[in-house]
Amino acid sequence: MDFPKYNGNDSNLKLTRAKFALSLVDSNILLPTEIDSIVKLRKALKEDISFTIFKNTNKRKLQSLNYIPESMGGDTSKFISNFLKLCYNAEINDIEEQKN
């Protein structure tokens, strides 16, 4: 299925993409009916309690993450990839916070 590209000028296409994205949201997540853009959808999803739980779970996983040097059988590349994914999911974007 090919999706048309949005060029910033076609409001119908913008609405179509929002409707498509809405159709992918789990039915257990209750969303307001007036969502007509991806920005509003993103905001509504972030306000759902499941997102808070998701963020907190990722923060806990970060706290328990341990680096094992390659000389001891660890995989630095995998560790960094996992660390960055958990930071992204926990919405930890500040470098100083990531260092902590």
PDB file of N, CA and C in Angstrom:
ATOM      1  N   MET A   1       0.846  -1.173   0.000  1.00  0.00           N
ATOM      2  CA  MET A   1       0.000   0.000   0.000  1.00  0.00           C
ATOM      3  C   MET A   1       0.894   1.240   0.000  1.00  0.00           C
ATOM      4  N   ASP A   2       0.710   2.086  -0.984  1.00  0.00           N
ATOM      5  CA  ASP A   2       1.484   3.322  -1.076  1.00  0.00           C
ATOM      6  C   ASP A   2       0.721   4.455  -0.410  1.00  0.00           C
ATOM      7  N   PHE A   3       1.416   5.192   0.433  1.00  0.00           N
ATOM      8  CA  PHE A   3       0.818   6.351   1.081  1.00  0.00           C
ATOM      9  C   PHE A   3       1.291   7.608   0.373  1.00  0.00           C
ATOM     10  N   PRO A   4       0.387   8.523   0.121  1.00  0.00           N
ATOM     11  CA  PRO A   4       0.800   9.767  -0.523  1.00  0.00           C
ATOM     12  C   PRO A   4       1.706  10.561   0.398  1.00  0.00           C
ATOM     13  N   LYS A   5       2.629  11.291  -0.193  1.00  0.00           N
ATOM     14  CA  LYS A   5       3.546  12.113   0.589  1.00  0.00           C
ATOM     15  C   LYS A   5       2.890  13.451   0.901  1.00  0.00           C
ATOM     16  N   TYR A   6       3.089  13.894   2.129  1.00  0.00           N
ATOM     17  CA  TYR A   6       2.525  15.169   2.569  1.00  0.00           C
ATOM     18  C   TYR A   6       3.525  16.282   2.299  1.00  0.00           C
ATOM     19  N   ASN A   7       3.110  17.298   1.581  1.00  0.00           N
ATOM     20  CA  ASN A   7       4.019  18.395   1.237  1.00  0.00           C
ATOM     21  C   ASN A   7       3.809  19.634   2.094  1.00  0.00           C
ATOM     22  N   GLY A   8       2.941  19.553   3.078  1.00  0.00           N
ATOM     23  CA  GLY A   8       2.705  20.678   3.971  1.00  0.00           C
ATOM     24  C   GLY A   8       1.565  21.574   3.545  1.00  0.00           C
ATOM     25  N   ASN A   9       1.021  21.336   2.380  1.00  0.00           N
ATOM     26  CA  ASN A   9      -0.034  22.209   1.868  1.00  0.00           C
ATOM     27  C   ASN A   9      -1.410  21.562   1.799  1.00  0.00           C
ATOM     28  N   ASP A  10      -1.480  20.259   1.787  1.00  0.00           N
ATOM     29  CA  ASP A  10      -2.746  19.561   1.596  1.00  0.00           C
ATOM     30  C   ASP A  10      -3.324  19.144   2.950  1.00  0.00           C
ATOM     31  N   SER A  11      -4.330  19.873   3.418  1.00  0.00           N
ATOM     32  CA  SER A  11      -4.913  19.577   4.734  1.00  0.00           C
ATOM     33  C   SER A  11      -5.675  18.258   4.735  1.00  0.00           C
ATOM     34  N   ASN A  12      -6.219  17.835   3.607  1.00  0.00           N
ATOM     35  CA  ASN A  12      -6.928  16.550   3.538  1.00  0.00           C
ATOM     36  C   ASN A  12      -5.966  15.394   3.748  1.00  0.00           C
ATOM     37  N   LEU A  13      -4.795  15.475   3.155  1.00  0.00           N
ATOM     38  CA  LEU A  13      -3.796  14.429   3.330  1.00  0.00           C
ATOM     39  C   LEU A  13      -3.316  14.388   4.773  1.00  0.00           C
ATOM     40  N   LYS A  14      -3.170  15.554   5.376  1.00  0.00           N
ATOM     41  CA  LYS A  14      -2.767  15.642   6.780  1.00  0.00           C
ATOM     42  C   LYS A  14      -3.795  14.922   7.655  1.00  0.00           C
ATOM     43  N   LEU A  15      -5.062  15.155   7.400  1.00  0.00           N
ATOM     44  CA  LEU A  15      -6.128  14.509   8.160  1.00  0.00           C
ATOM     45  C   LEU A  15      -6.145  13.009   7.901  1.00  0.00           C
ATOM     46  N   THR A  16      -5.899  12.591   6.658  1.00  0.00           N
ATOM     47  CA  THR A  16      -5.870  11.178   6.321  1.00  0.00           C
ATOM     48  C   THR A  16      -4.779  10.458   7.094  1.00  0.00           C
ATOM     49  N   ARG A  17      -3.611  11.050   7.192  1.00  0.00           N
ATOM     50  CA  ARG A  17      -2.517  10.441   7.951  1.00  0.00           C
ATOM     51  C   ARG A  17      -2.872  10.335   9.431  1.00  0.00           C
ATOM     52  N   ALA A  18      -3.517  11.343   9.965  1.00  0.00           N
ATOM     53  CA  ALA A  18      -3.921  11.304  11.377  1.00  0.00           C
ATOM     54  C   ALA A  18      -4.928  10.180  11.597  1.00  0.00           C
ATOM     55  N   LYS A  19      -5.877  10.045  10.688  1.00  0.00           N
ATOM     56  CA  LYS A  19      -6.878   8.972  10.815  1.00  0.00           C
ATOM     57  C   LYS A  19      -6.216   7.598  10.717  1.00  0.00           C
ATOM     58  N   PHE A  20      -5.261   7.467   9.807  1.00  0.00           N
ATOM     59  CA  PHE A  20      -4.542   6.202   9.671  1.00  0.00           C
ATOM     60  C   PHE A  20      -3.790   5.885  10.967  1.00  0.00           C
ATOM     61  N   ALA A  21      -3.089   6.863  11.501  1.00  0.00           N
ATOM     62  CA  ALA A  21      -2.344   6.658  12.743  1.00  0.00           C
ATOM     63  C   ALA A  21      -3.286   6.309  13.891  1.00  0.00           C
ATOM     64  N   LEU A  22      -4.443   6.950  13.934  1.00  0.00           N
ATOM     65  CA  LEU A  22      -5.434   6.640  14.972  1.00  0.00           C
ATOM     66  C   LEU A  22      -5.883   5.185  14.891  1.00  0.00           C
ATOM     67  N   SER A  23      -5.984   4.668  13.679  1.00  0.00           N
ATOM     68  CA  SER A  23      -6.442   3.282  13.508  1.00  0.00           C
ATOM     69  C   SER A  23      -5.428   2.279  14.046  1.00  0.00           C
ATOM     70  N   LEU A  24      -4.194   2.693  14.255  1.00  0.00           N
ATOM     71  CA  LEU A  24      -3.154   1.805  14.766  1.00  0.00           C
ATOM     72  C   LEU A  24      -3.067   1.795  16.285  1.00  0.00           C
ATOM     73  N   VAL A  25      -3.779   2.695  16.943  1.00  0.00           N
ATOM     74  CA  VAL A  25      -3.737   2.795  18.402  1.00  0.00           C
ATOM     75  C   VAL A  25      -4.604   1.697  19.005  1.00  0.00           C
ATOM     76  N   ASP A  26      -4.078   1.042  20.034  1.00  0.00           N
ATOM     77  CA  ASP A  26      -4.810  -0.018  20.731  1.00  0.00           C
ATOM     78  C   ASP A  26      -6.147   0.507  21.226  1.00  0.00           C
ATOM     79  N   SER A  27      -7.173  -0.294  21.086  1.00  0.00           N
ATOM     80  CA  SER A  27      -8.522   0.134  21.469  1.00  0.00           C
ATOM     81  C   SER A  27      -8.678   0.337  22.974  1.00  0.00           C
ATOM     82  N   ASN A  28      -7.761  -0.169  23.775  1.00  0.00           N
ATOM     83  CA  ASN A  28      -7.823   0.044  25.225  1.00  0.00           C
ATOM     84  C   ASN A  28      -7.412   1.453  25.624  1.00  0.00           C
ATOM     85  N   ILE A  29      -6.774   2.182  24.709  1.00  0.00           N
ATOM     86  CA  ILE A  29      -6.363   3.551  24.985  1.00  0.00           C
ATOM     87  C   ILE A  29      -7.471   4.474  24.510  1.00  0.00           C
ATOM     88  N   LEU A  30      -8.068   5.179  25.446  1.00  0.00           N
ATOM     89  CA  LEU A  30      -9.170   6.081  25.115  1.00  0.00           C
ATOM     90  C   LEU A  30      -8.619   7.425  24.674  1.00  0.00           C
ATOM     91  N   LEU A  31      -9.049   7.844  23.496  1.00  0.00           N
ATOM     92  CA  LEU A  31      -8.569   9.100  22.920  1.00  0.00           C
ATOM     93  C   LEU A  31      -9.738  10.038  22.675  1.00  0.00           C
ATOM     94  N   PRO A  32      -9.501  11.338  22.768  1.00  0.00           N
ATOM     95  CA  PRO A  32     -10.555  12.303  22.451  1.00  0.00           C
ATOM     96  C   PRO A  32     -10.943  12.196  20.975  1.00  0.00           C
ATOM     97  N   THR A  33     -12.169  12.520  20.679  1.00  0.00           N
ATOM     98  CA  THR A  33     -12.662  12.396  19.308  1.00  0.00           C
ATOM     99  C   THR A  33     -12.182  13.516  18.398  1.00  0.00           C
ATOM    100  N   GLU A  34     -11.725  14.634  18.954  1.00  0.00           N
ATOM    101  CA  GLU A  34     -11.355  15.783  18.133  1.00  0.00           C
ATOM    102  C   GLU A  34      -9.914  15.747  17.625  1.00  0.00           C
ATOM    103  N   ILE A  35      -9.276  14.598  17.642  1.00  0.00           N
ATOM    104  CA  ILE A  35      -7.897  14.511  17.144  1.00  0.00           C
ATOM    105  C   ILE A  35      -7.924  14.572  15.621  1.00  0.00           C
ATOM    106  N   ASP A  36      -7.238  15.582  15.080  1.00  0.00           N
ATOM    107  CA  ASP A  36      -7.213  15.758  13.629  1.00  0.00           C
ATOM    108  C   ASP A  36      -5.806  16.000  13.095  1.00  0.00           C
ATOM    109  N   SER A  37      -4.809  15.689  13.919  1.00  0.00           N
ATOM    110  CA  SER A  37      -3.423  15.845  13.466  1.00  0.00           C
ATOM    111  C   SER A  37      -2.537  14.886  14.255  1.00  0.00           C
ATOM    112  N   ILE A  38      -1.379  14.624  13.680  1.00  0.00           N
ATOM    113  CA  ILE A  38      -0.415  13.756  14.345  1.00  0.00           C
ATOM    114  C   ILE A  38       0.070  14.401  15.644  1.00  0.00           C
ATOM    115  N   VAL A  39       0.215  15.705  15.658  1.00  0.00           N
ATOM    116  CA  VAL A  39       0.666  16.418  16.855  1.00  0.00           C
ATOM    117  C   VAL A  39      -0.335  16.218  17.998  1.00  0.00           C
ATOM    118  N   LYS A  40      -1.624  16.353  17.696  1.00  0.00           N
ATOM    119  CA  LYS A  40      -2.654  16.157  18.731  1.00  0.00           C
ATOM    120  C   LYS A  40      -2.691  14.701  19.185  1.00  0.00           C
ATOM    121  N   LEU A  41      -2.491  13.777  18.252  1.00  0.00           N
ATOM    122  CA  LEU A  41      -2.468  12.362  18.609  1.00  0.00           C
ATOM    123  C   LEU A  41      -1.296  12.073  19.541  1.00  0.00           C
ATOM    124  N   ARG A  42      -0.139  12.587  19.197  1.00  0.00           N
ATOM    125  CA  ARG A  42       1.045  12.383  20.035  1.00  0.00           C
ATOM    126  C   ARG A  42       0.827  12.926  21.441  1.00  0.00           C
ATOM    127  N   LYS A  43       0.259  14.103  21.534  1.00  0.00           N
ATOM    128  CA  LYS A  43      -0.011  14.724  22.831  1.00  0.00           C
ATOM    129  C   LYS A  43      -0.992  13.880  23.641  1.00  0.00           C
ATOM    130  N   ALA A  44      -2.052  13.398  22.977  1.00  0.00           N
ATOM    131  CA  ALA A  44      -3.054  12.584  23.668  1.00  0.00           C
ATOM    132  C   ALA A  44      -2.456  11.263  24.144  1.00  0.00           C
ATOM    133  N   LEU A  45      -1.620  10.652  23.335  1.00  0.00           N
ATOM    134  CA  LEU A  45      -1.002   9.385  23.726  1.00  0.00           C
ATOM    135  C   LEU A  45      -0.059   9.581  24.909  1.00  0.00           C
ATOM    136  N   LYS A  46       0.655  10.704  24.928  1.00  0.00           N
ATOM    137  CA  LYS A  46       1.568  10.979  26.040  1.00  0.00           C
ATOM    138  C   LYS A  46       0.822  11.268  27.338  1.00  0.00           C
ATOM    139  N   GLU A  47      -0.428  11.672  27.247  1.00  0.00           N
ATOM    140  CA  GLU A  47      -1.228  11.952  28.442  1.00  0.00           C
ATOM    141  C   GLU A  47      -1.855  10.688  29.021  1.00  0.00           C
ATOM    142  N   ASP A  48      -1.843   9.598  28.273  1.00  0.00           N
ATOM    143  CA  ASP A  48      -2.417   8.344  28.753  1.00  0.00           C
ATOM    144  C   ASP A  48      -1.518   7.743  29.831  1.00  0.00           C
ATOM    145  N   ILE A  49      -2.117   7.124  30.828  1.00  0.00           N
ATOM    146  CA  ILE A  49      -1.373   6.559  31.956  1.00  0.00           C
ATOM    147  C   ILE A  49      -0.399   5.476  31.499  1.00  0.00           C
ATOM    148  N   SER A  50      -0.727   4.778  30.428  1.00  0.00           N
ATOM    149  CA  SER A  50       0.164   3.715  29.958  1.00  0.00           C
ATOM    150  C   SER A  50       1.510   4.280  29.504  1.00  0.00           C
ATOM    151  N   PHE A  51       1.531   5.516  29.021  1.00  0.00           N
ATOM    152  CA  PHE A  51       2.795   6.123  28.610  1.00  0.00           C
ATOM    153  C   PHE A  51       3.651   6.436  29.836  1.00  0.00           C
ATOM    154  N   THR A  52       3.031   6.906  30.893  1.00  0.00           N
ATOM    155  CA  THR A  52       3.766   7.170  32.134  1.00  0.00           C
ATOM    156  C   THR A  52       4.370   5.880  32.671  1.00  0.00           C
ATOM    157  N   ILE A  53       3.604   4.822  32.640  1.00  0.00           N
ATOM    158  CA  ILE A  53       4.102   3.522  33.099  1.00  0.00           C
ATOM    159  C   ILE A  53       5.259   3.060  32.220  1.00  0.00           C
ATOM    160  N   PHE A  54       5.114   3.239  30.910  1.00  0.00           N
ATOM    161  CA  PHE A  54       6.158   2.871  29.954  1.00  0.00           C
ATOM    162  C   PHE A  54       7.453   3.638  30.246  1.00  0.00           C
ATOM    163  N   LYS A  55       7.341   4.956  30.452  1.00  0.00           N
ATOM    164  CA  LYS A  55       8.515   5.774  30.752  1.00  0.00           C
ATOM    165  C   LYS A  55       9.179   5.332  32.051  1.00  0.00           C
ATOM    166  N   ASN A  56       8.382   5.126  33.091  1.00  0.00           N
ATOM    167  CA  ASN A  56       8.929   4.731  34.388  1.00  0.00           C
ATOM    168  C   ASN A  56       9.601   3.364  34.327  1.00  0.00           C
ATOM    169  N   THR A  57       9.030   2.450  33.560  1.00  0.00           N
ATOM    170  CA  THR A  57       9.628   1.125  33.381  1.00  0.00           C
ATOM    171  C   THR A  57      10.993   1.251  32.723  1.00  0.00           C
ATOM    172  N   ASN A  58      11.086   2.099  31.712  1.00  0.00           N
ATOM    173  CA  ASN A  58      12.364   2.294  31.034  1.00  0.00           C
ATOM    174  C   ASN A  58      13.388   2.967  31.947  1.00  0.00           C
ATOM    175  N   LYS A  59      12.944   3.866  32.815  1.00  0.00           N
ATOM    176  CA  LYS A  59      13.853   4.500  33.780  1.00  0.00           C
ATOM    177  C   LYS A  59      14.402   3.465  34.764  1.00  0.00           C
ATOM    178  N   ARG A  60      13.545   2.546  35.210  1.00  0.00           N
ATOM    179  CA  ARG A  60      14.003   1.496  36.121  1.00  0.00           C
ATOM    180  C   ARG A  60      14.998   0.570  35.421  1.00  0.00           C
ATOM    181  N   LYS A  61      14.719   0.256  34.162  1.00  0.00           N
ATOM    182  CA  LYS A  61      15.643  -0.591  33.406  1.00  0.00           C
ATOM    183  C   LYS A  61      16.995   0.098  33.254  1.00  0.00           C
ATOM    184  N   LEU A  62      16.976   1.410  33.058  1.00  0.00           N
ATOM    185  CA  LEU A  62      18.230   2.164  32.968  1.00  0.00           C
ATOM    186  C   LEU A  62      19.021   2.075  34.263  1.00  0.00           C
ATOM    187  N   GLN A  63      18.331   2.177  35.393  1.00  0.00           N
ATOM    188  CA  GLN A  63      19.008   2.138  36.684  1.00  0.00           C
ATOM    189  C   GLN A  63      19.648   0.782  36.953  1.00  0.00           C
ATOM    190  N   SER A  64      19.078  -0.272  36.382  1.00  0.00           N
ATOM    191  CA  SER A  64      19.634  -1.600  36.627  1.00  0.00           C
ATOM    192  C   SER A  64      20.585  -2.061  35.522  1.00  0.00           C
ATOM    193  N   LEU A  65      20.805  -1.214  34.530  1.00  0.00           N
ATOM    194  CA  LEU A  65      21.678  -1.555  33.412  1.00  0.00           C
ATOM    195  C   LEU A  65      23.131  -1.557  33.872  1.00  0.00           C
ATOM    196  N   ASN A  66      23.857  -2.614  33.552  1.00  0.00           N
ATOM    197  CA  ASN A  66      25.270  -2.737  33.932  1.00  0.00           C
ATOM    198  C   ASN A  66      26.124  -2.912  32.695  1.00  0.00           C
ATOM    199  N   TYR A  67      27.216  -2.159  32.656  1.00  0.00           N
ATOM    200  CA  TYR A  67      28.164  -2.300  31.558  1.00  0.00           C
ATOM    201  C   TYR A  67      29.165  -3.391  31.891  1.00  0.00           C
ATOM    202  N   ILE A  68      29.318  -4.307  30.960  1.00  0.00           N
ATOM    203  CA  ILE A  68      30.320  -5.366  31.103  1.00  0.00           C
ATOM    204  C   ILE A  68      31.345  -5.152  29.996  1.00  0.00           C
ATOM    205  N   PRO A  69      32.611  -4.892  30.349  1.00  0.00           N
ATOM    206  CA  PRO A  69      33.634  -4.666  29.328  1.00  0.00           C
ATOM    207  C   PRO A  69      33.769  -5.875  28.398  1.00  0.00           C
ATOM    208  N   GLU A  70      34.211  -5.607  27.179  1.00  0.00           N
ATOM    209  CA  GLU A  70      34.380  -6.691  26.212  1.00  0.00           C
ATOM    210  C   GLU A  70      35.418  -7.699  26.678  1.00  0.00           C
ATOM    211  N   SER A  71      36.393  -7.240  27.460  1.00  0.00           N
ATOM    212  CA  SER A  71      37.421  -8.154  27.977  1.00  0.00           C
ATOM    213  C   SER A  71      36.833  -9.185  28.942  1.00  0.00           C
ATOM    214  N   MET A  72      35.608  -8.890  29.423  1.00  0.00           N
ATOM    215  CA  MET A  72      34.930  -9.813  30.333  1.00  0.00           C
ATOM    216  C   MET A  72      33.709 -10.454  29.669  1.00  0.00           C
ATOM    217  N   GLY A  73      33.674 -10.399  28.328  1.00  0.00           N
ATOM    218  CA  GLY A  73      32.587 -11.047  27.589  1.00  0.00           C
ATOM    219  C   GLY A  73      31.417 -10.150  27.243  1.00  0.00           C
ATOM    220  N   GLY A  74      31.512  -8.865  27.530  1.00  0.00           N
ATOM    221  CA  GLY A  74      30.428  -7.940  27.223  1.00  0.00           C
ATOM    222  C   GLY A  74      30.415  -7.511  25.759  1.00  0.00           C
ATOM    223  N   ASP A  75      29.396  -6.804  25.383  1.00  0.00           N
ATOM    224  CA  ASP A  75      29.251  -6.295  24.021  1.00  0.00           C
ATOM    225  C   ASP A  75      28.959  -4.795  24.106  1.00  0.00           C
ATOM    226  N   THR A  76      29.989  -3.969  23.909  1.00  0.00           N
ATOM    227  CA  THR A  76      29.871  -2.523  24.060  1.00  0.00           C
ATOM    228  C   THR A  76      28.834  -1.941  23.108  1.00  0.00           C
ATOM    229  N   SER A  77      28.843  -2.384  21.871  1.00  0.00           N
ATOM    230  CA  SER A  77      27.897  -1.878  20.878  1.00  0.00           C
ATOM    231  C   SER A  77      26.457  -2.156  21.298  1.00  0.00           C
ATOM    232  N   LYS A  78      26.204  -3.357  21.762  1.00  0.00           N
ATOM    233  CA  LYS A  78      24.859  -3.725  22.213  1.00  0.00           C
ATOM    234  C   LYS A  78      24.463  -2.912  23.451  1.00  0.00           C
ATOM    235  N   PHE A  79      25.415  -2.711  24.363  1.00  0.00           N
ATOM    236  CA  PHE A  79      25.142  -1.931  25.566  1.00  0.00           C
ATOM    237  C   PHE A  79      24.744  -0.504  25.204  1.00  0.00           C
ATOM    238  N   ILE A  80      25.516   0.138  24.311  1.00  0.00           N
ATOM    239  CA  ILE A  80      25.240   1.523  23.925  1.00  0.00           C
ATOM    240  C   ILE A  80      23.888   1.621  23.223  1.00  0.00           C
ATOM    241  N   SER A  81      23.606   0.673  22.350  1.00  0.00           N
ATOM    242  CA  SER A  81      22.322   0.656  21.644  1.00  0.00           C
ATOM    243  C   SER A  81      21.162   0.537  22.629  1.00  0.00           C
ATOM    244  N   ASN A  82      21.290  -0.369  23.578  1.00  0.00           N
ATOM    245  CA  ASN A  82      20.249  -0.566  24.586  1.00  0.00           C
ATOM    246  C   ASN A  82      20.104   0.672  25.461  1.00  0.00           C
ATOM    247  N   PHE A  83      21.231   1.264  25.878  1.00  0.00           N
ATOM    248  CA  PHE A  83      21.222   2.460  26.703  1.00  0.00           C
ATOM    249  C   PHE A  83      20.494   3.609  26.001  1.00  0.00           C
ATOM    250  N   LEU A  84      20.835   3.852  24.736  1.00  0.00           N
ATOM    251  CA  LEU A  84      20.213   4.945  23.983  1.00  0.00           C
ATOM    252  C   LEU A  84      18.719   4.714  23.780  1.00  0.00           C
ATOM    253  N   LYS A  85      18.340   3.469  23.531  1.00  0.00           N
ATOM    254  CA  LYS A  85      16.920   3.140  23.358  1.00  0.00           C
ATOM    255  C   LYS A  85      16.150   3.399  24.648  1.00  0.00           C
ATOM    256  N   LEU A  86      16.716   2.993  25.778  1.00  0.00           N
ATOM    257  CA  LEU A  86      16.048   3.210  27.060  1.00  0.00           C
ATOM    258  C   LEU A  86      15.953   4.701  27.387  1.00  0.00           C
ATOM    259  N   CYS A  87      17.010   5.461  27.090  1.00  0.00           N
ATOM    260  CA  CYS A  87      16.973   6.916  27.307  1.00  0.00           C
ATOM    261  C   CYS A  87      15.883   7.551  26.452  1.00  0.00           C
ATOM    262  N   TYR A  88      15.803   7.163  25.201  1.00  0.00           N
ATOM    263  CA  TYR A  88      14.784   7.688  24.291  1.00  0.00           C
ATOM    264  C   TYR A  88      13.385   7.362  24.814  1.00  0.00           C
ATOM    265  N   ASN A  89      13.176   6.095  25.189  1.00  0.00           N
ATOM    266  CA  ASN A  89      11.857   5.665  25.671  1.00  0.00           C
ATOM    267  C   ASN A  89      11.472   6.339  26.983  1.00  0.00           C
ATOM    268  N   ALA A  90      12.462   6.650  27.803  1.00  0.00           N
ATOM    269  CA  ALA A  90      12.197   7.308  29.090  1.00  0.00           C
ATOM    270  C   ALA A  90      12.170   8.827  28.947  1.00  0.00           C
ATOM    271  N   GLU A  91      12.359   9.309  27.735  1.00  0.00           N
ATOM    272  CA  GLU A  91      12.410  10.737  27.425  1.00  0.00           C
ATOM    273  C   GLU A  91      13.501  11.450  28.222  1.00  0.00           C
ATOM    274  N   ILE A  92      14.660  10.818  28.300  1.00  0.00           N
ATOM    275  CA  ILE A  92      15.817  11.423  28.945  1.00  0.00           C
ATOM    276  C   ILE A  92      16.725  11.916  27.826  1.00  0.00           C
ATOM    277  N   ASN A  93      16.641  13.199  27.539  1.00  0.00           N
ATOM    278  CA  ASN A  93      17.370  13.796  26.428  1.00  0.00           C
ATOM    279  C   ASN A  93      18.576  14.618  26.874  1.00  0.00           C
ATOM    280  N   ASP A  94      18.575  15.028  28.124  1.00  0.00           N
ATOM    281  CA  ASP A  94      19.651  15.855  28.653  1.00  0.00           C
ATOM    282  C   ASP A  94      20.901  14.995  28.875  1.00  0.00           C
ATOM    283  N   ILE A  95      22.015  15.415  28.310  1.00  0.00           N
ATOM    284  CA  ILE A  95      23.270  14.662  28.410  1.00  0.00           C
ATOM    285  C   ILE A  95      23.705  14.469  29.858  1.00  0.00           C
ATOM    286  N   GLU A  96      23.569  15.515  30.673  1.00  0.00           N
ATOM    287  CA  GLU A  96      23.964  15.405  32.081  1.00  0.00           C
ATOM    288  C   GLU A  96      23.111  14.368  32.806  1.00  0.00           C
ATOM    289  N   GLU A  97      21.828  14.346  32.514  1.00  0.00           N
ATOM    290  CA  GLU A  97      20.945  13.347  33.126  1.00  0.00           C
ATOM    291  C   GLU A  97      21.312  11.951  32.654  1.00  0.00           C
ATOM    292  N   GLN A  98      21.678  11.816  31.379  1.00  0.00           N
ATOM    293  CA  GLN A  98      22.106  10.521  30.860  1.00  0.00           C
ATOM    294  C   GLN A  98      23.384  10.050  31.543  1.00  0.00           C
ATOM    295  N   LYS A  99      24.288  10.982  31.816  1.00  0.00           N
ATOM    296  CA  LYS A  99      25.537  10.619  32.500  1.00  0.00           C
ATOM    297  C   LYS A  99      25.254  10.073  33.896  1.00  0.00           C
ATOM    298  N   ASN A 100      24.269  10.684  34.582  1.00  0.00           N
ATOM    299  CA  ASN A 100      23.925  10.220  35.926  1.00  0.00           C
ATOM    300  C   ASN A 100      23.287   8.845  35.874  1.00  0.00           C
TER     301      ASN A 100
END
